[in-house]
C-alpha atoms as a PDB file:
ATOM      1  CA  MET A   1     -14.930  -3.718  -7.836  1.00  0.00           C
ATOM      2  CA  ALA A   2     -13.911  -1.066 -10.365  1.00  0.00           C
ATOM      3  CA  ASP A   3     -15.663   1.739  -8.480  1.00  0.00           C
ATOM      4  CA  ARG A   4     -14.027   0.950  -5.146  1.00  0.00           C
ATOM      5  CA  LYS A   5     -10.843   2.613  -4.049  1.00  0.00           C
ATOM      6  CA  LEU A   6      -8.311   1.748  -1.378  1.00  0.00           C
ATOM      7  CA  GLU A   7      -6.630   4.241   0.927  1.00  0.00           C
ATOM      8  CA  ILE A   8      -3.216   2.839   1.831  1.00  0.00           C
ATOM      9  CA  THR A   9      -1.234   4.329   4.733  1.00  0.00           C
ATOM     10  CA  GLN A  10       2.245   3.287   5.776  1.00  0.00           C
ATOM     11  CA  VAL A  11       2.222   2.626   9.527  1.00  0.00           C
ATOM     12  CA  ARG A  12       5.554   0.806   9.984  1.00  0.00           C
ATOM     13  CA  SER A  13       8.983   1.842   8.775  1.00  0.00           C
ATOM     14  CA  GLY A  14      10.626   0.288   5.738  1.00  0.00           C
ATOM     15  CA  ILE A  15      14.084   0.658   7.297  1.00  0.00           C
ATOM     16  CA  GLY A  16      15.762  -2.713   7.734  1.00  0.00           C
ATOM     17  CA  ARG A  17      13.174  -4.513   5.601  1.00  0.00           C
ATOM     18  CA  GLN A  18      13.835  -6.631   2.545  1.00  0.00           C
ATOM     19  CA  SER A  19      14.573  -4.602  -0.562  1.00  0.00           C
ATOM     20  CA  LYS A  20      11.575  -6.261  -2.250  1.00  0.00           C
ATOM     21  CA  HIS A  21       9.280  -4.760   0.410  1.00  0.00           C
ATOM     22  CA  ARG A  22      10.854  -1.305   0.117  1.00  0.00           C
ATOM     23  CA  ARG A  23      10.495  -1.398  -3.671  1.00  0.00           C
ATOM     24  CA  THR A  24       6.847  -2.449  -3.332  1.00  0.00           C
ATOM     25  CA  LEU A  25       6.148   0.550  -1.071  1.00  0.00           C
ATOM     26  CA  GLU A  26       7.800   2.818  -3.623  1.00  0.00           C
ATOM     27  CA  ALA A  27       5.787   1.237  -6.460  1.00  0.00           C
ATOM     28  CA  LEU A  28       2.610   1.978  -4.502  1.00  0.00           C
ATOM     29  CA  GLY A  29       3.673   5.639  -4.408  1.00  0.00           C
ATOM     30  CA  ILE A  30       4.495   5.737  -0.708  1.00  0.00           C
ATOM     31  CA  ARG A  31       7.605   7.828  -0.096  1.00  0.00           C
ATOM     32  CA  ARG A  32       7.615   8.357   3.661  1.00  0.00           C
ATOM     33  CA  HIS A  33       6.176   7.093   6.929  1.00  0.00           C
ATOM     34  CA  GLN A  34       2.497   7.912   7.637  1.00  0.00           C
ATOM     35  CA  GLN A  35       1.902   8.927   4.018  1.00  0.00           C
ATOM     36  CA  SER A  36      -1.420   7.908   2.468  1.00  0.00           C
ATOM     37  CA  VAL A  37      -2.175   7.155  -1.169  1.00  0.00           C
ATOM     38  CA  VAL A  38      -5.395   6.174  -2.944  1.00  0.00           C
ATOM     39  CA  HIS A  39      -5.496   3.444  -5.604  1.00  0.00           C
ATOM     40  CA  ASN A  40      -8.222   1.625  -7.493  1.00  0.00           C
ATOM     41  CA  ASP A  41      -9.073  -1.770  -6.042  1.00  0.00           C
ATOM     42  CA  THR A  42      -7.441  -4.072  -8.599  1.00  0.00           C
ATOM     43  CA  PRO A  43      -5.921  -7.552  -8.306  1.00  0.00           C
ATOM     44  CA  ALA A  44      -2.453  -6.089  -9.001  1.00  0.00           C
ATOM     45  CA  ILE A  45      -2.724  -3.628  -6.100  1.00  0.00           C
ATOM     46  CA  ARG A  46      -4.119  -6.363  -3.832  1.00  0.00           C
ATOM     47  CA  GLY A  47      -1.104  -8.538  -4.654  1.00  0.00           C
ATOM     48  CA  MET A  48       1.277  -5.710  -3.792  1.00  0.00           C
ATOM     49  CA  LEU A  49      -0.531  -5.138  -0.512  1.00  0.00           C
ATOM     50  CA  ARG A  50      -0.263  -8.820   0.356  1.00  0.00           C
ATOM     51  CA  GLN A  51       3.542  -8.449   0.326  1.00  0.00           C
ATOM     52  CA  VAL A  52       3.619  -5.442   2.657  1.00  0.00           C
ATOM     53  CA  VAL A  53       0.551  -6.097   4.813  1.00  0.00           C
ATOM     54  CA  HIS A  54       2.738  -5.834   7.938  1.00  0.00           C
ATOM     55  CA  LEU A  55       3.840  -2.284   6.990  1.00  0.00           C
ATOM     56  CA  VAL A  56       0.578  -0.653   5.891  1.00  0.00           C
ATOM     57  CA  SER A  57      -3.037  -0.184   6.886  1.00  0.00           C
ATOM     58  CA  VAL A  58      -5.732  -0.367   4.208  1.00  0.00           C
ATOM     59  CA  ARG A  59      -9.155   1.233   4.231  1.00  0.00           C
ATOM     60  CA  GLU A  60     -11.775   0.662   1.544  1.00  0.00           C
ATOM     61  CA  ILE A  61     -13.409   3.767   0.165  1.00  0.00           C
ATOM     62  CA  GLY A  62     -16.716   2.950  -1.505  1.00  0.00           C
ATOM     63  CA  GLU A  63     -17.634   5.448  -4.221  1.00  0.00           C
END
């Protein structure tokens, strides 16, 4: 699990969403719509993604 990475792309807008969801997107490093970031596949990141699953798409990158 440590070698895997996740590519996270915001596909829905954060406008009008709960502030908790907007703060989670910012904590993931996503600043604007359609931006992609890459993170290690950790339980903390998975928990953050569970909160904003309706706003992002996730792709596993096996390295």
